[in-house]
């Protein structure tokens, strides 16, 4: 864990455009979360239809 933290700190120190990296990372998290949510809704609808509810 300490090694991973050290690698992250070193990478952040060497990145000149940190704002862009944080923005892109946040955007990726949002897109992944939205995709997971939509897949969950689709699965729930399918399960309810199969169960006859």
PDB file of N, CA and C in Angstrom:
ATOM      1  N   UNK A   1       0.828  -1.199   0.000  1.00  0.00           N
ATOM      2  CA  UNK A   1       0.000   0.000   0.000  1.00  0.00           C
ATOM      3  C   UNK A   1       0.869   1.258   0.000  1.00  0.00           C
ATOM      4  N   UNK A   2       1.918   1.236   0.784  1.00  0.00           N
ATOM      5  CA  UNK A   2       2.816   2.387   0.842  1.00  0.00           C
ATOM      6  C   UNK A   2       3.516   2.593  -0.506  1.00  0.00           C
ATOM      7  N   UNK A   3       3.849   1.505  -1.181  1.00  0.00           N
ATOM      8  CA  UNK A   3       4.486   1.600  -2.491  1.00  0.00           C
ATOM      9  C   UNK A   3       3.531   2.231  -3.508  1.00  0.00           C
ATOM     10  N   UNK A   4       2.282   1.815  -3.477  1.00  0.00           N
ATOM     11  CA  UNK A   4       1.285   2.386  -4.386  1.00  0.00           C
ATOM     12  C   UNK A   4       1.102   3.878  -4.125  1.00  0.00           C
ATOM     13  N   UNK A   5       1.030   4.258  -2.857  1.00  0.00           N
ATOM     14  CA  UNK A   5       0.898   5.668  -2.496  1.00  0.00           C
ATOM     15  C   UNK A   5       2.108   6.463  -2.993  1.00  0.00           C
ATOM     16  N   UNK A   6       3.288   5.908  -2.831  1.00  0.00           N
ATOM     17  CA  UNK A   6       4.501   6.569  -3.304  1.00  0.00           C
ATOM     18  C   UNK A   6       4.504   6.754  -4.813  1.00  0.00           C
ATOM     19  N   UNK A   7       4.055   5.735  -5.534  1.00  0.00           N
ATOM     20  CA  UNK A   7       3.996   5.826  -6.992  1.00  0.00           C
ATOM     21  C   UNK A   7       3.004   6.909  -7.415  1.00  0.00           C
ATOM     22  N   UNK A   8       1.855   6.960  -6.745  1.00  0.00           N
ATOM     23  CA  UNK A   8       0.852   7.978  -7.070  1.00  0.00           C
ATOM     24  C   UNK A   8       1.395   9.376  -6.799  1.00  0.00           C
ATOM     25  N   UNK A   9       2.061   9.562  -5.667  1.00  0.00           N
ATOM     26  CA  UNK A   9       2.628  10.871  -5.329  1.00  0.00           C
ATOM     27  C   UNK A   9       3.685  11.267  -6.354  1.00  0.00           C
ATOM     28  N   UNK A  10       4.540  10.345  -6.745  1.00  0.00           N
ATOM     29  CA  UNK A  10       5.574  10.625  -7.734  1.00  0.00           C
ATOM     30  C   UNK A  10       4.944  10.995  -9.083  1.00  0.00           C
ATOM     31  N   UNK A  11       3.909  10.281  -9.483  1.00  0.00           N
ATOM     32  CA  UNK A  11       3.243  10.569 -10.757  1.00  0.00           C
ATOM     33  C   UNK A  11       2.592  11.946 -10.724  1.00  0.00           C
ATOM     34  N   UNK A  12       1.958  12.293  -9.608  1.00  0.00           N
ATOM     35  CA  UNK A  12       1.301  13.594  -9.490  1.00  0.00           C
ATOM     36  C   UNK A  12       2.326  14.719  -9.541  1.00  0.00           C
ATOM     37  N   UNK A  13       3.489  14.512  -8.939  1.00  0.00           N
ATOM     38  CA  UNK A  13       4.525  15.546  -8.954  1.00  0.00           C
ATOM     39  C   UNK A  13       5.064  15.772 -10.362  1.00  0.00           C
ATOM     40  N   UNK A  14       5.088  14.737 -11.199  1.00  0.00           N
ATOM     41  CA  UNK A  14       5.654  14.851 -12.547  1.00  0.00           C
ATOM     42  C   UNK A  14       4.632  15.322 -13.583  1.00  0.00           C
ATOM     43  N   UNK A  15       3.352  15.274 -13.249  1.00  0.00           N
ATOM     44  CA  UNK A  15       2.317  15.687 -14.199  1.00  0.00           C
ATOM     45  C   UNK A  15       2.190  17.207 -14.155  1.00  0.00           C
ATOM     46  N   UNK A  16       2.326  17.833 -15.310  1.00  0.00           N
ATOM     47  CA  UNK A  16       2.267  19.292 -15.353  1.00  0.00           C
ATOM     48  C   UNK A  16       0.828  19.795 -15.448  1.00  0.00           C
ATOM     49  N   UNK A  17      -0.049  19.005 -16.036  1.00  0.00           N
ATOM     50  CA  UNK A  17      -1.424  19.429 -16.238  1.00  0.00           C
ATOM     51  C   UNK A  17      -2.355  18.609 -15.343  1.00  0.00           C
ATOM     52  N   UNK A  18      -2.209  18.787 -14.055  1.00  0.00           N
ATOM     53  CA  UNK A  18      -2.929  17.974 -13.081  1.00  0.00           C
ATOM     54  C   UNK A  18      -4.433  18.209 -13.144  1.00  0.00           C
ATOM     55  N   UNK A  19      -4.856  19.439 -13.426  1.00  0.00           N
ATOM     56  CA  UNK A  19      -6.291  19.719 -13.505  1.00  0.00           C
ATOM     57  C   UNK A  19      -6.969  18.864 -14.572  1.00  0.00           C
ATOM     58  N   UNK A  20      -6.329  18.727 -15.713  1.00  0.00           N
ATOM     59  CA  UNK A  20      -6.896  17.922 -16.793  1.00  0.00           C
ATOM     60  C   UNK A  20      -6.968  16.450 -16.393  1.00  0.00           C
ATOM     61  N   UNK A  21      -5.942  15.957 -15.722  1.00  0.00           N
ATOM     62  CA  UNK A  21      -5.928  14.557 -15.294  1.00  0.00           C
ATOM     63  C   UNK A  21      -7.060  14.301 -14.298  1.00  0.00           C
ATOM     64  N   UNK A  22      -7.253  15.210 -13.358  1.00  0.00           N
ATOM     65  CA  UNK A  22      -8.329  15.059 -12.381  1.00  0.00           C
ATOM     66  C   UNK A  22      -9.686  15.132 -13.073  1.00  0.00           C
ATOM     67  N   UNK A  23      -9.835  16.040 -14.022  1.00  0.00           N
ATOM     68  CA  UNK A  23     -11.092  16.173 -14.766  1.00  0.00           C
ATOM     69  C   UNK A  23     -11.409  14.895 -15.536  1.00  0.00           C
ATOM     70  N   UNK A  24     -10.436  14.371 -16.257  1.00  0.00           N
ATOM     71  CA  UNK A  24     -10.653  13.160 -17.042  1.00  0.00           C
ATOM     72  C   UNK A  24     -10.946  11.975 -16.122  1.00  0.00           C
ATOM     73  N   UNK A  25     -10.232  11.880 -15.020  1.00  0.00           N
ATOM     74  CA  UNK A  25     -10.495  10.801 -14.064  1.00  0.00           C
ATOM     75  C   UNK A  25     -11.902  10.879 -13.492  1.00  0.00           C
ATOM     76  N   UNK A  26     -12.327  12.078 -13.140  1.00  0.00           N
ATOM     77  CA  UNK A  26     -13.681  12.268 -12.621  1.00  0.00           C
ATOM     78  C   UNK A  26     -14.716  11.917 -13.674  1.00  0.00           C
ATOM     79  N   UNK A  27     -14.460  12.332 -14.899  1.00  0.00           N
ATOM     80  CA  UNK A  27     -15.378  12.026 -15.993  1.00  0.00           C
ATOM     81  C   UNK A  27     -15.492  10.522 -16.213  1.00  0.00           C
ATOM     82  N   UNK A  28     -14.388   9.821 -16.118  1.00  0.00           N
ATOM     83  CA  UNK A  28     -14.400   8.368 -16.280  1.00  0.00           C
ATOM     84  C   UNK A  28     -15.213   7.704 -15.173  1.00  0.00           C
ATOM     85  N   UNK A  29     -15.074   8.184 -13.948  1.00  0.00           N
ATOM     86  CA  UNK A  29     -15.847   7.630 -12.833  1.00  0.00           C
ATOM     87  C   UNK A  29     -17.338   7.863 -13.054  1.00  0.00           C
ATOM     88  N   UNK A  30     -17.708   9.051 -13.519  1.00  0.00           N
ATOM     89  CA  UNK A  30     -19.116   9.366 -13.762  1.00  0.00           C
ATOM     90  C   UNK A  30     -19.681   8.470 -14.864  1.00  0.00           C
ATOM     91  N   UNK A  31     -18.954   8.316 -15.954  1.00  0.00           N
ATOM     92  CA  UNK A  31     -19.428   7.488 -17.066  1.00  0.00           C
ATOM     93  C   UNK A  31     -19.560   6.032 -16.630  1.00  0.00           C
ATOM     94  N   UNK A  32     -18.596   5.539 -15.882  1.00  0.00           N
ATOM     95  CA  UNK A  32     -18.653   4.158 -15.391  1.00  0.00           C
ATOM     96  C   UNK A  32     -19.842   3.960 -14.456  1.00  0.00           C
ATOM     97  N   UNK A  33     -20.073   4.915 -13.572  1.00  0.00           N
ATOM     98  CA  UNK A  33     -21.204   4.826 -12.648  1.00  0.00           C
ATOM     99  C   UNK A  33     -22.530   4.861 -13.391  1.00  0.00           C
ATOM    100  N   UNK A  34     -22.643   5.729 -14.369  1.00  0.00           N
ATOM    101  CA  UNK A  34     -23.871   5.830 -15.152  1.00  0.00           C
ATOM    102  C   UNK A  34     -24.121   4.544 -15.938  1.00  0.00           C
ATOM    103  N   UNK A  35     -23.083   4.000 -16.518  1.00  0.00           N
ATOM    104  CA  UNK A  35     -23.217   2.737 -17.252  1.00  0.00           C
ATOM    105  C   UNK A  35     -23.649   1.598 -16.350  1.00  0.00           C
ATOM    106  N   UNK A  36     -23.079   1.534 -15.153  1.00  0.00           N
ATOM    107  CA  UNK A  36     -23.459   0.502 -14.191  1.00  0.00           C
ATOM    108  C   UNK A  36     -24.914   0.664 -13.767  1.00  0.00           C
ATOM    109  N   UNK A  37     -25.333   1.903 -13.531  1.00  0.00           N
ATOM    110  CA  UNK A  37     -26.715   2.164 -13.138  1.00  0.00           C
ATOM    111  C   UNK A  37     -27.684   1.756 -14.237  1.00  0.00           C
ATOM    112  N   UNK A  38     -27.384   2.137 -15.480  1.00  0.00           N
ATOM    113  CA  UNK A  38     -28.276   1.789 -16.587  1.00  0.00           C
ATOM    114  C   UNK A  38     -28.345   0.276 -16.800  1.00  0.00           C
ATOM    115  N   UNK A  39     -27.232  -0.417 -16.641  1.00  0.00           N
ATOM    116  CA  UNK A  39     -27.242  -1.880 -16.748  1.00  0.00           C
ATOM    117  C   UNK A  39     -28.088  -2.487 -15.633  1.00  0.00           C
ATOM    118  N   UNK A  40     -28.031  -1.903 -14.448  1.00  0.00           N
ATOM    119  CA  UNK A  40     -28.828  -2.382 -13.323  1.00  0.00           C
ATOM    120  C   UNK A  40     -30.317  -2.202 -13.586  1.00  0.00           C
ATOM    121  N   UNK A  41     -30.686  -1.055 -14.129  1.00  0.00           N
ATOM    122  CA  UNK A  41     -32.099  -0.803 -14.450  1.00  0.00           C
ATOM    123  C   UNK A  41     -32.583  -1.795 -15.499  1.00  0.00           C
ATOM    124  N   UNK A  42     -31.767  -2.024 -16.519  1.00  0.00           N
ATOM    125  CA  UNK A  42     -32.133  -2.970 -17.575  1.00  0.00           C
ATOM    126  C   UNK A  42     -32.307  -4.376 -16.997  1.00  0.00           C
ATOM    127  N   UNK A  43     -31.389  -4.773 -16.132  1.00  0.00           N
ATOM    128  CA  UNK A  43     -31.460  -6.106 -15.525  1.00  0.00           C
ATOM    129  C   UNK A  43     -32.692  -6.238 -14.639  1.00  0.00           C
ATOM    130  N   UNK A  44     -32.995  -5.191 -13.868  1.00  0.00           N
ATOM    131  CA  UNK A  44     -34.161  -5.225 -12.982  1.00  0.00           C
ATOM    132  C   UNK A  44     -35.450  -5.360 -13.792  1.00  0.00           C
ATOM    133  N   UNK A  45     -35.550  -4.627 -14.891  1.00  0.00           N
ATOM    134  CA  UNK A  45     -36.739  -4.713 -15.750  1.00  0.00           C
ATOM    135  C   UNK A  45     -36.886  -6.106 -16.333  1.00  0.00           C
ATOM    136  N   UNK A  46     -35.775  -6.669 -16.789  1.00  0.00           N
ATOM    137  CA  UNK A  46     -35.807  -8.015 -17.376  1.00  0.00           C
ATOM    138  C   UNK A  46     -36.206  -9.044 -16.330  1.00  0.00           C
ATOM    139  N   UNK A  47     -35.641  -8.931 -15.134  1.00  0.00           N
ATOM    140  CA  UNK A  47     -35.979  -9.869 -14.067  1.00  0.00           C
ATOM    141  C   UNK A  47     -37.447  -9.784 -13.677  1.00  0.00           C
ATOM    142  N   UNK A  48     -37.981  -8.567 -13.611  1.00  0.00           N
ATOM    143  CA  UNK A  48     -39.402  -8.405 -13.253  1.00  0.00           C
ATOM    144  C   UNK A  48     -40.307  -8.973 -14.347  1.00  0.00           C
ATOM    145  N   UNK A  49     -39.883  -8.787 -15.610  1.00  0.00           N
ATOM    146  CA  UNK A  49     -40.688  -9.302 -16.722  1.00  0.00           C
ATOM    147  C   UNK A  49     -40.692 -10.829 -16.707  1.00  0.00           C
ATOM    148  N   UNK A  50     -39.545 -11.436 -16.437  1.00  0.00           N
ATOM    149  CA  UNK A  50     -39.438 -12.898 -16.396  1.00  0.00           C
ATOM    150  C   UNK A  50     -40.249 -13.448 -15.220  1.00  0.00           C
ATOM    151  N   UNK A  51     -40.208 -12.735 -14.082  1.00  0.00           N
ATOM    152  CA  UNK A  51     -40.922 -13.202 -12.888  1.00  0.00           C
ATOM    153  C   UNK A  51     -42.427 -12.985 -12.998  1.00  0.00           C
ATOM    154  N   UNK A  52     -42.847 -12.231 -13.979  1.00  0.00           N
ATOM    155  CA  UNK A  52     -44.278 -12.003 -14.172  1.00  0.00           C
ATOM    156  C   UNK A  52     -44.827 -10.896 -13.303  1.00  0.00           C
ATOM    157  N   UNK A  53     -43.950 -10.024 -12.829  1.00  0.00           N
ATOM    158  CA  UNK A  53     -44.384  -8.945 -11.956  1.00  0.00           C
ATOM    159  C   UNK A  53     -44.441  -7.678 -12.692  1.00  0.00           C
TER     160      UNK A  53
END
